[in-house]
Amino acid sequence: KVSDVVCGRSALRRTHLVQQKTGSPVQFEITPNTGESILAWVKKAGLKPSDYLFKSRIHSAEHISTRQYNRIFHGWIEKLGLDTSLYSTHSMRRTKPYLIYKKTKNLRVVQLLLGHKKLESTVRYLGIEVDDALEISESIEV
């Protein structure tokens, strides 16, 4: 909802949502550019704090479905001239955590950001291979 990402006339810098699958709260940042886009959208759409940020076209009181979001997302990929079979909404969710892992090699940070209870889940999620584990091991001197 709008109130999850906007307070008064400002976009929040951080917010949290509860994952449907696990029931775990997950905190995330809202970058300045994203915040500006959110505020512009809220103003243009005339949304109130209690409204969903992206309303369904079918049911005015409900949010868009994951199916509709997927259609919109693939429309953006097509407009960019990219191969839609190479991108998914889920692969985009993985992008920032993967980049954080590659830069820091800190699995615990990524685990916290994703809201995973088990480190093994984070390893599987990122698709970390044996080569990555060996590279980390070799870089640490005892």
C-alpha atoms as a PDB file:
ATOM      1  CA  LYS A   1       0.000   0.000   0.000  1.00  0.00           C
ATOM      2  CA  VAL A   2       1.007   3.632  -0.405  1.00  0.00           C
ATOM      3  CA  SER A   3       1.448   3.933   3.369  1.00  0.00           C
ATOM      4  CA  ASP A   4       4.094   1.177   3.210  1.00  0.00           C
ATOM      5  CA  VAL A   5       6.393   3.369   1.112  1.00  0.00           C
ATOM      6  CA  VAL A   6       5.273   6.977   1.658  1.00  0.00           C
ATOM      7  CA  CYS A   7       4.945   9.063   4.810  1.00  0.00           C
ATOM      8  CA  GLY A   8       3.357  12.474   4.314  1.00  0.00           C
ATOM      9  CA  ARG A   9       5.000  14.011   1.256  1.00  0.00           C
ATOM     10  CA  SER A  10       8.168  11.903   1.388  1.00  0.00           C
ATOM     11  CA  ALA A  11       9.074   8.442   0.251  1.00  0.00           C
ATOM     12  CA  LEU A  12      10.504   6.305   3.005  1.00  0.00           C
ATOM     13  CA  ARG A  13      14.196   5.419   2.748  1.00  0.00           C
ATOM     14  CA  ARG A  14      13.536   1.960   4.163  1.00  0.00           C
ATOM     15  CA  THR A  15      10.476  -0.150   4.688  1.00  0.00           C
ATOM     16  CA  HIS A  16       9.595  -3.723   5.461  1.00  0.00           C
ATOM     17  CA  LEU A  17       7.100  -6.264   4.273  1.00  0.00           C
ATOM     18  CA  VAL A  18       6.124  -9.664   5.582  1.00  0.00           C
ATOM     19  CA  GLN A  19       6.875 -12.460   3.137  1.00  0.00           C
ATOM     20  CA  GLN A  20       3.772 -14.480   2.282  1.00  0.00           C
ATOM     21  CA  LYS A  21       5.720 -17.709   1.897  1.00  0.00           C
ATOM     22  CA  THR A  22       7.588 -17.635   5.226  1.00  0.00           C
ATOM     23  CA  GLY A  23       5.770 -15.024   7.295  1.00  0.00           C
ATOM     24  CA  SER A  24       9.162 -13.392   7.963  1.00  0.00           C
ATOM     25  CA  PRO A  25       9.556  -9.604   7.880  1.00  0.00           C
ATOM     26  CA  VAL A  26      12.060  -8.370   5.309  1.00  0.00           C
ATOM     27  CA  GLN A  27      13.457  -4.842   5.359  1.00  0.00           C
ATOM     28  CA  PHE A  28      14.583  -3.148   2.162  1.00  0.00           C
ATOM     29  CA  GLU A  29      15.832   0.200   0.971  1.00  0.00           C
ATOM     30  CA  ILE A  30      14.050   2.585  -1.340  1.00  0.00           C
ATOM     31  CA  THR A  31      16.652   4.407  -3.406  1.00  0.00           C
ATOM     32  CA  PRO A  32      16.248   8.164  -4.006  1.00  0.00           C
ATOM     33  CA  ASN A  33      15.373   7.615  -7.691  1.00  0.00           C
ATOM     34  CA  THR A  34      12.786   4.979  -6.796  1.00  0.00           C
ATOM     35  CA  GLY A  35      11.366   7.267  -4.108  1.00  0.00           C
ATOM     36  CA  GLU A  36      10.961  10.090  -6.629  1.00  0.00           C
ATOM     37  CA  SER A  37       9.201   7.724  -9.045  1.00  0.00           C
ATOM     38  CA  ILE A  38       6.887   6.482  -6.305  1.00  0.00           C
ATOM     39  CA  LEU A  39       5.941  10.031  -5.295  1.00  0.00           C
ATOM     40  CA  ALA A  40       5.300  11.022  -8.916  1.00  0.00           C
ATOM     41  CA  TRP A  41       3.109   7.935  -9.417  1.00  0.00           C
ATOM     42  CA  VAL A  42       1.139   8.547  -6.187  1.00  0.00           C
ATOM     43  CA  LYS A  43       0.490  12.136  -7.264  1.00  0.00           C
ATOM     44  CA  LYS A  44      -0.431  11.260 -10.863  1.00  0.00           C
ATOM     45  CA  ALA A  45      -2.750   8.422  -9.823  1.00  0.00           C
ATOM     46  CA  GLY A  46      -4.272  10.479  -6.991  1.00  0.00           C
ATOM     47  CA  LEU A  47      -3.621   7.723  -4.463  1.00  0.00           C
ATOM     48  CA  LYS A  48      -4.405   7.894  -0.748  1.00  0.00           C
ATOM     49  CA  PRO A  49      -2.251   6.236   1.961  1.00  0.00           C
ATOM     50  CA  SER A  50      -4.768   3.372   2.266  1.00  0.00           C
ATOM     51  CA  ASP A  51      -4.706   2.635  -1.496  1.00  0.00           C
ATOM     52  CA  TYR A  52      -2.654  -0.072  -3.098  1.00  0.00           C
ATOM     53  CA  LEU A  53       0.315   1.395  -4.948  1.00  0.00           C
ATOM     54  CA  PHE A  54      -0.672  -0.548  -8.069  1.00  0.00           C
ATOM     55  CA  LYS A  55      -4.411  -1.124  -8.244  1.00  0.00           C
ATOM     56  CA  SER A  56      -6.028  -3.913 -10.200  1.00  0.00           C
ATOM     57  CA  ARG A  57      -7.876  -2.930 -13.354  1.00  0.00           C
ATOM     58  CA  ILE A  58     -10.506  -5.529 -12.534  1.00  0.00           C
ATOM     59  CA  HIS A  59     -11.159  -4.942  -8.839  1.00  0.00           C
ATOM     60  CA  SER A  60     -10.701  -1.308  -7.828  1.00  0.00           C
ATOM     61  CA  ALA A  61     -10.054  -2.179  -4.167  1.00  0.00           C
ATOM     62  CA  GLU A  62      -7.373  -4.812  -4.849  1.00  0.00           C
ATOM     63  CA  HIS A  63      -3.774  -4.763  -6.034  1.00  0.00           C
ATOM     64  CA  ILE A  64      -2.549  -6.016  -9.383  1.00  0.00           C
ATOM     65  CA  SER A  65      -2.027  -9.743  -9.603  1.00  0.00           C
ATOM     66  CA  THR A  66       1.363 -11.388  -9.962  1.00  0.00           C
ATOM     67  CA  ARG A  67       0.235 -12.417 -13.441  1.00  0.00           C
ATOM     68  CA  GLN A  68      -0.463  -8.797 -14.420  1.00  0.00           C
ATOM     69  CA  TYR A  69       2.854  -7.677 -12.921  1.00  0.00           C
ATOM     70  CA  ASN A  70       4.574 -10.363 -14.989  1.00  0.00           C
ATOM     71  CA  ARG A  71       2.871  -9.088 -18.174  1.00  0.00           C
ATOM     72  CA  ILE A  72       3.937  -5.507 -17.429  1.00  0.00           C
ATOM     73  CA  PHE A  73       7.492  -6.609 -16.648  1.00  0.00           C
ATOM     74  CA  HIS A  74       7.851  -8.594 -19.885  1.00  0.00           C
ATOM     75  CA  GLY A  75       6.434  -5.624 -21.803  1.00  0.00           C
ATOM     76  CA  TRP A  76       9.294  -3.508 -20.415  1.00  0.00           C
ATOM     77  CA  ILE A  77      11.843  -6.158 -21.419  1.00  0.00           C
ATOM     78  CA  GLU A  78      10.428  -6.231 -24.971  1.00  0.00           C
ATOM     79  CA  LYS A  79      10.519  -2.417 -25.212  1.00  0.00           C
ATOM     80  CA  LEU A  80      14.193  -2.554 -24.282  1.00  0.00           C
ATOM     81  CA  GLY A  81      14.739  -4.941 -27.194  1.00  0.00           C
ATOM     82  CA  LEU A  82      15.908  -7.759 -24.911  1.00  0.00           C
ATOM     83  CA  ASP A  83      15.112 -11.460 -25.099  1.00  0.00           C
ATOM     84  CA  THR A  84      12.178 -11.970 -22.706  1.00  0.00           C
ATOM     85  CA  SER A  85      13.099 -15.628 -22.166  1.00  0.00           C
ATOM     86  CA  LEU A  86      16.274 -14.508 -20.356  1.00  0.00           C
ATOM     87  CA  TYR A  87      14.481 -12.387 -17.733  1.00  0.00           C
ATOM     88  CA  SER A  88      11.857 -13.000 -15.094  1.00  0.00           C
ATOM     89  CA  THR A  89      10.492 -11.044 -12.175  1.00  0.00           C
ATOM     90  CA  HIS A  90      12.210 -13.519  -9.879  1.00  0.00           C
ATOM     91  CA  SER A  91      15.590 -13.246 -11.614  1.00  0.00           C
ATOM     92  CA  MET A  92      15.378  -9.485 -11.097  1.00  0.00           C
ATOM     93  CA  ARG A  93      14.762 -10.050  -7.365  1.00  0.00           C
ATOM     94  CA  ARG A  94      18.027 -11.960  -7.238  1.00  0.00           C
ATOM     95  CA  THR A  95      20.114  -9.297  -8.968  1.00  0.00           C
ATOM     96  CA  LYS A  96      20.918  -6.926  -6.096  1.00  0.00           C
ATOM     97  CA  PRO A  97      21.560  -9.666  -3.498  1.00  0.00           C
ATOM     98  CA  TYR A  98      23.841 -11.397  -5.986  1.00  0.00           C
ATOM     99  CA  LEU A  99      25.769  -8.179  -6.645  1.00  0.00           C
ATOM    100  CA  ILE A 100      26.086  -7.574  -2.895  1.00  0.00           C
ATOM    101  CA  TYR A 101      27.434 -11.101  -2.451  1.00  0.00           C
ATOM    102  CA  LYS A 102      29.907 -10.729  -5.327  1.00  0.00           C
ATOM    103  CA  LYS A 103      31.219  -7.451  -3.892  1.00  0.00           C
ATOM    104  CA  THR A 104      31.368  -8.436  -0.209  1.00  0.00           C
ATOM    105  CA  LYS A 105      31.406 -12.267  -0.186  1.00  0.00           C
ATOM    106  CA  ASN A 106      29.269 -11.864   2.943  1.00  0.00           C
ATOM    107  CA  LEU A 107      26.553 -14.505   2.856  1.00  0.00           C
ATOM    108  CA  ARG A 108      25.141 -13.467   6.228  1.00  0.00           C
ATOM    109  CA  VAL A 109      24.359  -9.964   4.951  1.00  0.00           C
ATOM    110  CA  VAL A 110      22.581 -11.391   1.913  1.00  0.00           C
ATOM    111  CA  GLN A 111      20.731 -13.885   4.120  1.00  0.00           C
ATOM    112  CA  LEU A 112      19.428 -11.046   6.294  1.00  0.00           C
ATOM    113  CA  LEU A 113      18.411  -8.935   3.300  1.00  0.00           C
ATOM    114  CA  LEU A 114      16.475 -11.818   1.763  1.00  0.00           C
ATOM    115  CA  GLY A 115      14.889 -12.892   5.044  1.00  0.00           C
ATOM    116  CA  HIS A 116      16.143 -16.458   4.774  1.00  0.00           C
ATOM    117  CA  LYS A 117      16.163 -18.472   7.986  1.00  0.00           C
ATOM    118  CA  LYS A 118      18.846 -20.878   6.789  1.00  0.00           C
ATOM    119  CA  LEU A 119      22.178 -19.955   5.242  1.00  0.00           C
ATOM    120  CA  GLU A 120      21.847 -23.011   2.983  1.00  0.00           C
ATOM    121  CA  SER A 121      18.760 -21.423   1.421  1.00  0.00           C
ATOM    122  CA  THR A 122      20.754 -18.299   0.599  1.00  0.00           C
ATOM    123  CA  VAL A 123      23.553 -20.365  -0.954  1.00  0.00           C
ATOM    124  CA  ARG A 124      21.034 -22.215  -3.152  1.00  0.00           C
ATOM    125  CA  TYR A 125      19.183 -18.986  -3.980  1.00  0.00           C
ATOM    126  CA  LEU A 126      22.352 -17.253  -5.184  1.00  0.00           C
ATOM    127  CA  GLY A 127      23.522 -20.330  -7.048  1.00  0.00           C
ATOM    128  CA  ILE A 128      26.913 -20.223  -5.378  1.00  0.00           C
ATOM    129  CA  GLU A 129      29.157 -22.845  -6.884  1.00  0.00           C
ATOM    130  CA  VAL A 130      32.126 -24.775  -5.538  1.00  0.00           C
ATOM    131  CA  ASP A 131      34.460 -22.403  -7.429  1.00  0.00           C
ATOM    132  CA  ASP A 132      33.101 -19.461  -5.418  1.00  0.00           C
ATOM    133  CA  ALA A 133      33.599 -21.331  -2.154  1.00  0.00           C
ATOM    134  CA  LEU A 134      37.166 -22.271  -3.107  1.00  0.00           C
ATOM    135  CA  GLU A 135      37.948 -18.700  -4.186  1.00  0.00           C
ATOM    136  CA  ILE A 136      36.817 -17.409  -0.795  1.00  0.00           C
ATOM    137  CA  SER A 137      38.750 -20.109   1.015  1.00  0.00           C
ATOM    138  CA  GLU A 138      41.948 -19.365  -0.923  1.00  0.00           C
ATOM    139  CA  SER A 139      41.700 -15.640  -0.223  1.00  0.00           C
ATOM    140  CA  ILE A 140      41.774 -16.163   3.545  1.00  0.00           C
ATOM    141  CA  GLU A 141      45.128 -16.700   5.193  1.00  0.00           C
ATOM    142  CA  VAL A 142      45.229 -18.327   8.596  1.00  0.00           C
END
